[in-house]
C-alpha cells in the first residue's frame, strides 16, 4: 500500500490524558513501516503546547484523532493552525476487538493516517464555530423557556385555574396581566378577567369561569419564581440575538453595496436569502448558516448535504433486500431546526412544500413520517439558494415533477 502522508501522528484523546503516536520515515531505509514513537501528554494548555512542540520537532504534517465528546476541541483549537488535523468518526476506525489500549489506538490512528485511509469530518472555521456556539446556546435557552412555561401551566392546573383552555398563549399580554394579578393576591375571577385586552375581552364570561380555582400561597410563590425565570430567559435570548447579529456582521467583513448586482455572498446575505424560502424565518436562517456556512462546494450536492444533516433516508441493503430506511443521526441541531421549519412550511399557503406534504398525507396517511421528507426537501432548497446567491424563485404548476403535478396551487417551487 502506498504511503500518502510519510510524517503523521495519531492521538488518543481522553479527559485528562492524551496518548500520541508519531510516525516518520526511517532515514536508513531499513524499516519500510517507518519509525514509530509513543508519548503521553496531559490535557492542560501547557501540556498541549508541549504536544505541538513534540510534533513539530519531527516535522509532522498531518494529525488524526477521534471525535470523543468535547475533549477533542481544546486539542483541535491549538493544533489546527500548525498541522492538518483530521477529526474522524470513532465508528469508522475501530481496531481489532480484544486489543484495545490507549497506545494501540494511537498507533492504529497513525497507521491509517499514514496510508490515507481516514476521512475527515467537516469542522467549520473558527469564526463560524463561534457563531454556532451562540445559536446553539440560544436554542437551549428557547427550549428551557418552553419548559418553564409548561411548568407555569402545571401550577395553574393544580390550582384549578383553566386559563390555558381559553387563552392560546398564557404568556401573552392578557395572560401575563392575569397571572400578575393572581400572584398579587387579587384572586377575584371577575377582576382578573377584566384585565383582558382587545379581542380577548369577548371571552370575559368564559375567563371568569376559567379563573375560578383554589389558589394557595405556595402556588403564588411558585408562579412568581417561574415568571421571574421566564423574564430572565427572555433577557438572555435578546442578548444572544444581538450577539449573533454582531457575529454575522463580523464574519461579513466587507458588507456589499445594495446597488451591486448580484450581491456578493456573505453570512448576512445568506441569512437574507434563506429568509425568502417559505417556512424559514430569520432565526431559523441564522441557525442553518451557523451550521453549514456559506461554502456549498464542501457538500458537492444537495442530497449529500441532506444526508449529512440527517434528514435523508438511510440505505441498508443486503442480499438484494432493503432492510431499513432509518435516517442516521447527522447534525442534530441542524436536523432539529429543519424539522421545526418543516412544520412551519406545512402551514404556508400556495407553496410547493405545503402542497407536497398535503398530497403525501392524503395518499399515504403518514403525516409524521413525511415531515422528515419535507425537511429533506427544505434542505434541498437551501443549497441552491445559497449557491446561486438569489432569493427563492417560485415556479408555476406545470414545472413540478409529474408525481406532484395534480396538486392545484398557483405559485409553487420544487427544489432543483
Protein backbone atom coordinates (compact mmCIF):
# COMPACT_ATOMS: atom_id res chain seq x y z
CA UNK A 1 0.00 0.00 0.00
CA UNK A 2 1.33 3.42 -0.94
CA UNK A 3 2.30 5.86 1.79
CA UNK A 4 0.29 9.09 1.43
CA UNK A 5 1.48 11.06 4.48
CA UNK A 6 5.02 9.96 5.46
CA UNK A 7 5.13 12.22 8.54
CA UNK A 8 1.93 11.88 10.54
CA UNK A 9 0.59 11.24 14.03
CA UNK A 10 -2.38 9.72 15.83
CA UNK A 11 -3.82 11.00 19.11
CA UNK A 12 -5.95 9.01 21.55
CA UNK A 13 -7.68 11.79 23.48
CA UNK A 14 -9.28 11.48 26.91
CA UNK A 15 -10.36 13.93 29.60
CA UNK A 16 -7.05 14.08 31.46
CA UNK A 17 -4.64 12.23 29.21
CA UNK A 18 -3.55 12.10 25.58
CA UNK A 19 -1.52 9.25 24.11
CA UNK A 20 0.33 10.44 20.99
CA UNK A 21 1.98 8.31 18.33
CA UNK A 22 4.08 9.83 15.58
CA UNK A 23 5.44 8.04 12.52
CA UNK A 24 8.38 9.36 10.49
CA UNK A 25 10.40 7.75 7.65
CA UNK A 26 13.42 5.69 8.58
CA UNK A 27 16.48 7.66 7.39
CA UNK A 28 18.39 4.40 6.84
CA UNK A 29 15.57 2.94 4.74
CA UNK A 30 15.67 -0.36 6.65
CA UNK A 31 12.16 -0.02 8.14
CA UNK A 32 9.55 0.37 5.41
CA UNK A 33 6.86 0.97 8.01
CA UNK A 34 8.79 3.95 9.38
CA UNK A 35 9.87 4.81 12.91
CA UNK A 36 7.08 4.86 15.48
CA UNK A 37 7.33 6.83 18.74
CA UNK A 38 4.78 6.97 21.57
CA UNK A 39 4.48 9.71 24.18
CA UNK A 40 1.83 10.52 26.84
CA UNK A 41 0.69 14.11 27.47
CA UNK A 42 -1.74 15.88 29.76
CA UNK A 43 -4.66 17.99 28.58
CA UNK A 44 -3.79 21.33 30.19
CA UNK A 45 -2.84 24.14 27.83
CA UNK A 46 0.83 23.84 28.77
CA UNK A 47 0.75 20.11 28.01
CA UNK A 48 -0.95 20.71 24.65
CA UNK A 49 1.73 23.23 23.71
CA UNK A 50 4.35 20.62 24.60
CA UNK A 51 2.49 18.15 22.36
CA UNK A 52 2.58 20.66 19.49
CA UNK A 53 6.33 21.15 20.01
CA UNK A 54 6.89 17.37 20.06
CA UNK A 55 5.05 17.00 16.75
CA UNK A 56 6.81 19.99 15.18
CA UNK A 57 10.17 18.56 16.21
CA UNK A 58 9.57 15.60 13.87
CA UNK A 59 8.14 17.80 11.08
CA UNK A 60 4.73 16.16 11.37
CA UNK A 61 2.27 17.44 8.75
CA UNK A 62 -0.96 15.51 9.44
CA UNK A 63 -2.57 14.56 12.76
CA UNK A 64 -5.57 12.26 13.30
CA UNK A 65 -7.79 11.93 16.36
CA UNK A 66 -11.23 10.59 17.20
CA UNK A 67 -14.20 12.85 17.97
CA UNK A 68 -14.57 11.93 21.65
CA UNK A 69 -17.24 14.12 23.25
CA UNK A 70 -15.97 17.61 23.98
CA UNK A 71 -12.41 16.55 24.78
CA UNK A 72 -11.08 16.88 21.22
CA UNK A 73 -11.99 20.57 20.95
CA UNK A 74 -9.16 22.13 23.03
CA UNK A 75 -6.66 19.88 21.24
CA UNK A 76 -8.03 20.87 17.84
CA UNK A 77 -8.01 24.57 18.74
CA UNK A 78 -4.27 24.51 19.49
CA UNK A 79 -3.18 22.28 16.60
CA UNK A 80 -5.31 23.47 13.66
CA UNK A 81 -3.07 26.45 12.80
CA UNK A 82 0.11 24.36 12.65
CA UNK A 83 -0.99 20.96 11.33
CA UNK A 84 -3.63 19.46 9.07
CA UNK A 85 -5.88 17.86 11.67
CA UNK A 86 -8.25 15.02 10.74
CA UNK A 87 -11.15 14.61 13.15
CA UNK A 88 -12.58 11.15 12.42
CA UNK A 89 -15.66 9.21 13.42
CA UNK A 90 -14.70 6.61 16.02
CA UNK A 91 -17.04 4.06 14.40
CA UNK A 92 -15.02 4.28 11.18
CA UNK A 93 -11.67 3.41 12.76
CA UNK A 94 -12.45 0.51 15.08
CA UNK A 95 -9.42 -1.56 15.97
CA UNK A 96 -9.29 -5.34 16.28
CA UNK A 97 -11.52 -6.49 19.20
CA UNK A 98 -9.63 -7.57 22.30
CA UNK A 99 -6.63 -5.35 21.61
CA UNK A 100 -7.91 -2.01 22.80
CA UNK A 101 -5.41 0.08 24.73
CA UNK A 102 -4.58 3.78 24.54
CA UNK A 103 -1.25 3.07 22.88
CA UNK A 104 -2.78 0.64 20.39
CA UNK A 105 -5.49 3.17 19.47
CA UNK A 106 -2.97 5.96 18.90
CA UNK A 107 -0.73 3.66 16.84
CA UNK A 108 -3.71 2.47 14.77
CA UNK A 109 -4.82 6.03 14.02
CA UNK A 110 -1.30 6.95 12.96
CA UNK A 111 -1.09 3.95 10.62
CA UNK A 112 -4.42 4.71 9.00
CA UNK A 113 -3.39 8.33 8.61
CA UNK A 114 -0.09 7.31 7.02
CA UNK A 115 -1.82 5.40 4.23
CA UNK A 116 -4.55 8.00 3.68
CA UNK A 117 -7.38 5.73 4.84
CA UNK A 118 -9.14 8.29 7.05
CA UNK A 119 -11.99 10.61 6.11
CA UNK A 120 -12.01 13.91 7.97
CA UNK A 121 -15.21 15.25 9.47
CA UNK A 122 -16.38 18.72 8.50
CA UNK A 123 -15.13 21.27 11.03
CA UNK A 124 -16.19 24.88 10.37
CA UNK A 125 -13.66 27.74 10.55
CA UNK A 126 -13.13 29.48 13.89
CA UNK A 127 -15.47 32.39 13.23
CA UNK A 128 -18.28 30.10 12.19
CA UNK A 129 -17.72 27.87 15.22
CA UNK A 130 -18.11 30.92 17.47
CA UNK A 131 -21.37 31.82 15.70
CA UNK A 132 -22.54 28.22 16.04
CA UNK A 133 -21.90 28.27 19.79
CA UNK A 134 -24.15 31.32 20.09
CA UNK A 135 -27.01 29.88 18.01
CA UNK A 136 -26.89 26.50 19.77
CA UNK A 137 -26.97 28.13 23.20
CA UNK A 138 -29.88 30.33 22.13
CA UNK A 139 -31.75 27.19 21.06
CA UNK A 140 -31.14 25.67 24.50
CA UNK A 141 -32.48 28.80 26.21
CA UNK A 142 -35.57 28.85 23.99
CA UNK A 143 -36.21 25.21 24.87
CA UNK A 144 -35.74 25.97 28.55
CA UNK A 145 -38.24 28.84 28.27
CA UNK A 146 -40.80 26.47 26.76
CA UNK A 147 -40.24 24.03 29.62
CA UNK A 148 -40.69 26.83 32.17
CA UNK A 149 -43.95 27.96 30.54
CA UNK A 150 -45.15 24.35 30.78
CA UNK A 151 -44.30 24.42 34.49
CA UNK A 152 -46.43 27.54 34.88
CA UNK A 153 -49.26 25.67 33.18
CA UNK A 154 -48.76 22.77 35.60
CA UNK A 155 -49.06 25.04 38.65
CA UNK A 156 -52.25 26.61 37.24
CA UNK A 157 -53.78 23.18 36.67
CA UNK A 158 -53.00 22.14 40.25
CA UNK A 159 -54.69 25.34 41.43
CA UNK A 160 -57.80 24.56 39.34
CA UNK A 161 -57.10 27.55 37.07
CA UNK A 162 -58.04 26.57 33.49
CA UNK A 163 -56.57 29.65 31.83
CA UNK A 164 -54.87 27.68 29.03
CA UNK A 165 -58.25 26.27 27.98
CA UNK A 166 -59.36 29.77 26.97
CA UNK A 167 -56.11 31.59 26.07
CA UNK A 168 -53.79 30.07 23.48
CA UNK A 169 -50.71 31.84 24.90
CA UNK A 170 -50.83 32.31 28.65
CA UNK A 171 -47.65 34.42 28.42
CA UNK A 172 -49.29 36.97 26.13
CA UNK A 173 -50.31 40.46 27.24
CA UNK A 174 -53.69 39.43 28.66
CA UNK A 175 -52.47 36.18 30.18
CA UNK A 176 -49.46 37.82 31.80
CA UNK A 177 -51.62 40.55 33.36
CA UNK A 178 -53.93 37.94 34.86
CA UNK A 179 -51.02 35.94 36.22
CA UNK A 180 -49.54 39.04 37.84
CA UNK A 181 -52.89 39.77 39.47
CA UNK A 182 -53.12 36.17 40.66
CA UNK A 183 -49.65 36.40 42.21
CA UNK A 184 -50.51 39.72 43.89
CA UNK A 185 -53.42 38.07 45.70
CA UNK A 186 -56.26 39.64 43.75
CA UNK A 187 -57.87 36.27 43.18
CA UNK A 188 -61.34 37.63 42.35
CA UNK A 189 -62.14 35.99 38.95
CA UNK A 190 -64.13 38.98 37.69
CA UNK A 191 -61.30 41.39 38.49
CA UNK A 192 -58.73 39.23 36.72
CA UNK A 193 -60.97 38.57 33.70
CA UNK A 194 -61.44 42.32 33.26
CA UNK A 195 -57.70 42.60 32.53
CA UNK A 196 -58.25 41.00 29.11
CA UNK A 197 -57.12 43.15 26.18
CA UNK A 198 -58.60 43.76 22.74
CA UNK A 199 -60.20 40.70 21.14
CA UNK A 200 -59.78 38.72 24.34
CA UNK A 201 -62.46 40.89 26.01
CA UNK A 202 -65.13 38.98 24.11
CA UNK A 203 -64.19 35.95 26.26
CA UNK A 204 -64.60 37.67 29.65
CA UNK A 205 -67.52 35.43 30.80
CA UNK A 206 -65.55 32.28 29.95
CA UNK A 207 -62.41 33.74 31.55
CA UNK A 208 -64.27 34.29 34.82
CA UNK A 209 -65.10 30.58 34.90
CA UNK A 210 -61.54 29.57 33.95
CA UNK A 211 -60.03 31.81 36.65
CA UNK A 212 -62.19 30.35 39.41
CA UNK A 213 -59.97 27.98 41.33
CA UNK A 214 -58.30 27.09 44.63
CA UNK A 215 -55.08 29.12 44.83
CA UNK A 216 -52.76 28.69 47.82
CA UNK A 217 -49.79 30.78 48.89
CA UNK A 218 -47.27 28.25 47.62
CA UNK A 219 -48.93 28.42 44.18
CA UNK A 220 -48.37 32.18 44.12
CA UNK A 221 -44.78 31.74 45.25
CA UNK A 222 -44.07 29.18 42.52
CA UNK A 223 -45.70 31.34 39.84
CA UNK A 224 -43.69 34.38 40.92
CA UNK A 225 -40.42 32.45 40.71
CA UNK A 226 -41.32 30.92 37.36
CA UNK A 227 -42.32 34.25 35.80
CA UNK A 228 -39.07 35.78 37.05
CA UNK A 229 -37.15 32.93 35.46
CA UNK A 230 -39.01 33.42 32.18
CA UNK A 231 -38.18 37.14 32.24
CA UNK A 232 -34.52 36.31 32.84
CA UNK A 233 -34.53 33.86 29.93
CA UNK A 234 -36.14 36.48 27.68
CA UNK A 235 -33.33 38.90 28.54
CA UNK A 236 -30.68 36.28 27.83
CA UNK A 237 -32.28 35.36 24.50
CA UNK A 238 -32.40 39.01 23.43
CA UNK A 239 -28.74 39.41 24.41
CA UNK A 240 -27.86 36.35 22.30
CA UNK A 241 -29.86 37.73 19.37
CA UNK A 242 -27.75 40.88 19.49
CA UNK A 243 -24.52 38.86 19.82
CA UNK A 244 -25.48 36.68 16.83
CA UNK A 245 -26.22 39.74 14.72
CA UNK A 246 -22.85 41.23 15.67
CA UNK A 247 -21.09 37.95 14.87
CA UNK A 248 -22.77 37.76 11.45
CA UNK A 249 -21.62 41.28 10.64
CA UNK A 250 -18.09 40.45 11.80
CA UNK A 251 -18.00 37.39 9.54
CA UNK A 252 -19.32 39.52 6.68
CA UNK A 253 -16.25 41.76 6.84
CA UNK A 254 -16.98 43.63 3.62
CA UNK A 255 -20.70 44.35 3.56
CA UNK A 256 -21.68 44.77 -0.11
CA UNK A 257 -23.32 47.84 -1.54
CA UNK A 258 -27.05 47.39 -2.13
CA UNK A 259 -26.63 48.77 -5.66
CA UNK A 260 -24.26 45.95 -6.66
CA UNK A 261 -25.96 43.15 -8.60
CA UNK A 262 -25.63 40.33 -7.90
CA UNK A 263 -24.69 40.95 -4.27
CA UNK A 264 -21.54 39.12 -3.07
CA UNK A 265 -22.34 36.23 -0.78
CA UNK A 266 -21.66 36.91 2.89
CA UNK A 267 -23.07 35.37 6.05
CA UNK A 268 -25.57 38.21 6.46
CA UNK A 269 -26.59 37.94 2.81
CA UNK A 270 -27.03 34.15 3.17
CA UNK A 271 -29.44 34.73 6.08
CA UNK A 272 -31.44 37.15 3.92
CA UNK A 273 -31.59 34.66 1.05
CA UNK A 274 -32.74 31.77 3.23
CA UNK A 275 -35.38 34.01 4.78
CA UNK A 276 -37.09 34.16 1.37
CA UNK A 277 -37.89 30.42 1.46
CA UNK A 278 -41.44 29.65 2.68
CA UNK A 279 -41.35 28.34 6.25
CA UNK A 280 -37.90 29.74 7.11
CA UNK A 281 -37.69 32.83 9.32
CA UNK A 282 -34.66 34.88 10.30
CA UNK A 283 -33.87 32.85 13.43
CA UNK A 284 -34.05 29.58 11.53
CA UNK A 285 -31.88 31.00 8.75
CA UNK A 286 -29.27 32.06 11.31
CA UNK A 287 -29.09 28.51 12.70
CA UNK A 288 -28.76 27.00 9.21
CA UNK A 289 -25.97 29.39 8.20
CA UNK A 290 -24.16 28.82 11.51
CA UNK A 291 -24.23 25.05 10.98
CA UNK A 292 -23.33 24.74 7.27
CA UNK A 293 -21.64 28.07 6.45
CA UNK A 294 -21.82 29.66 3.01
CA UNK A 295 -19.40 27.43 1.07
CA UNK A 296 -21.64 24.84 -0.57
CA UNK A 297 -18.78 23.24 -2.54
CA UNK A 298 -17.79 21.16 0.50
CA UNK A 299 -21.08 19.25 0.26
CA UNK A 300 -21.00 18.91 -3.57
CA UNK A 301 -24.72 18.13 -3.96
CA UNK A 302 -27.98 18.84 -2.12
CA UNK A 303 -28.63 15.10 -1.40
CA UNK A 304 -25.22 14.82 0.28
CA UNK A 305 -25.97 17.87 2.40
CA UNK A 306 -29.35 16.36 3.36
CA UNK A 307 -27.62 13.12 4.33
CA UNK A 308 -25.05 15.00 6.41
CA UNK A 309 -27.85 16.87 8.18
CA UNK A 310 -29.59 13.56 8.98
CA UNK A 311 -32.82 14.20 7.03
CA UNK A 312 -32.17 11.80 4.14
CA UNK A 313 -33.39 8.16 4.15
CA UNK A 314 -30.80 5.60 5.18
CA UNK A 315 -29.54 2.84 2.93
CA UNK A 316 -29.27 -0.66 4.41
CA UNK A 317 -29.37 -3.37 1.75
CA UNK A 318 -28.25 -6.98 1.99
CA UNK A 319 -28.77 -9.91 -0.40
CA UNK A 320 -30.80 -7.69 -2.67
CA UNK A 321 -33.27 -6.79 0.09
CA UNK A 322 -33.80 -3.32 1.52
CA UNK A 323 -33.79 -3.85 5.27
CA UNK A 324 -34.16 -0.37 6.71
CA UNK A 325 -34.52 3.23 5.62
CA UNK A 326 -33.80 4.69 9.03
CA UNK A 327 -32.07 8.05 8.92
CA UNK A 328 -28.74 8.45 10.69
CA UNK A 329 -28.13 10.93 13.48
CA UNK A 330 -26.40 13.51 11.32
CA UNK A 331 -26.06 17.05 12.61
CA UNK A 332 -28.59 17.05 15.45
CA UNK A 333 -29.04 20.84 15.87
CA UNK A 334 -29.46 21.25 12.11
CA UNK A 335 -31.84 18.31 11.87
CA UNK A 336 -33.95 19.70 14.72
CA UNK A 337 -34.30 23.15 13.18
CA UNK A 338 -35.11 21.70 9.73
CA UNK A 339 -37.89 19.58 11.25
CA UNK A 340 -39.24 22.62 13.07
CA UNK A 341 -39.14 24.69 9.88
CA UNK A 342 -40.85 21.86 8.01
CA UNK A 343 -43.77 22.15 10.45
CA UNK A 344 -43.93 25.86 9.58
CA UNK A 345 -43.70 25.19 5.83
CA UNK A 346 -46.69 22.83 6.05
CA UNK A 347 -48.82 25.74 7.23
CA UNK A 348 -47.88 28.10 4.40
CA UNK A 349 -50.41 28.67 1.63
CA UNK A 350 -49.93 28.04 -2.09
CA UNK A 351 -46.37 26.75 -1.78
CA UNK A 352 -44.70 23.68 -3.22
CA UNK A 353 -43.65 22.23 0.13
CA UNK A 354 -47.12 22.56 1.64
CA UNK A 355 -48.76 21.03 -1.42
CA UNK A 356 -46.28 18.15 -1.48
CA UNK A 357 -46.95 17.36 2.17
CA UNK A 358 -50.72 17.50 1.79
CA UNK A 359 -50.58 15.20 -1.23
CA UNK A 360 -48.41 12.61 0.51
CA UNK A 361 -50.58 12.65 3.63
CA UNK A 362 -53.76 12.32 1.59
CA UNK A 363 -52.44 9.26 -0.25
CA UNK A 364 -50.37 7.53 2.42
CA UNK A 365 -51.78 8.73 5.78
CA UNK A 366 -48.34 9.03 7.38
CA UNK A 367 -48.12 12.65 8.47
CA UNK A 368 -45.21 12.42 10.93
CA UNK A 369 -43.07 10.30 8.62
CA UNK A 370 -43.37 12.72 5.73
CA UNK A 371 -42.41 15.71 7.83
CA UNK A 372 -38.92 14.21 7.61
CA UNK A 373 -39.20 14.07 3.83
CA UNK A 374 -40.34 17.68 3.83
CA UNK A 375 -37.33 18.64 5.94
CA UNK A 376 -35.12 16.91 3.38
CA UNK A 377 -36.77 18.83 0.55
CA UNK A 378 -36.36 22.04 2.55
CA UNK A 379 -32.66 21.23 2.93
CA UNK A 380 -32.54 20.63 -0.84
CA UNK A 381 -33.96 24.11 -1.48
CA UNK A 382 -31.45 25.82 0.83
CA UNK A 383 -28.32 24.79 -1.05
CA UNK A 384 -29.23 26.19 -4.49
CA UNK A 385 -30.49 29.40 -2.90
CA UNK A 386 -27.08 29.96 -1.29
CA UNK A 387 -25.11 28.60 -4.24
CA UNK A 388 -26.84 30.81 -6.84
CA UNK A 389 -26.97 33.83 -4.49
CA UNK A 390 -30.57 34.51 -5.49
CA UNK A 391 -33.72 34.50 -3.41
CA UNK A 392 -36.33 31.77 -3.58
CA UNK A 393 -37.68 31.57 -7.15
CA UNK A 394 -41.24 30.15 -7.30
CA UNK A 395 -42.25 28.12 -10.36
CA UNK A 396 -45.63 27.56 -11.97
CA UNK A 397 -47.59 24.33 -11.67
CA UNK A 398 -46.55 22.78 -14.98
CA UNK A 399 -42.89 22.83 -13.89
CA UNK A 400 -43.44 20.42 -10.96
CA UNK A 401 -42.37 16.79 -11.04
CA UNK A 402 -45.10 14.59 -12.59
CA UNK A 403 -45.92 12.84 -9.29
CA UNK A 404 -46.74 16.19 -7.62
CA UNK A 405 -48.39 17.96 -10.57
CA UNK A 406 -52.00 17.19 -9.62
CA UNK A 407 -51.92 19.39 -6.53
CA UNK A 408 -53.55 22.66 -7.56
CA UNK A 409 -51.74 25.80 -6.44
CA UNK A 410 -50.59 28.78 -8.50
CA UNK A 411 -47.19 29.60 -7.07
CA UNK A 412 -45.06 26.61 -6.09
CA UNK A 413 -41.38 25.83 -6.44
CA UNK A 414 -39.74 22.39 -6.16
CA UNK A 415 -36.03 22.09 -5.40
CA UNK A 416 -33.73 21.84 -8.40
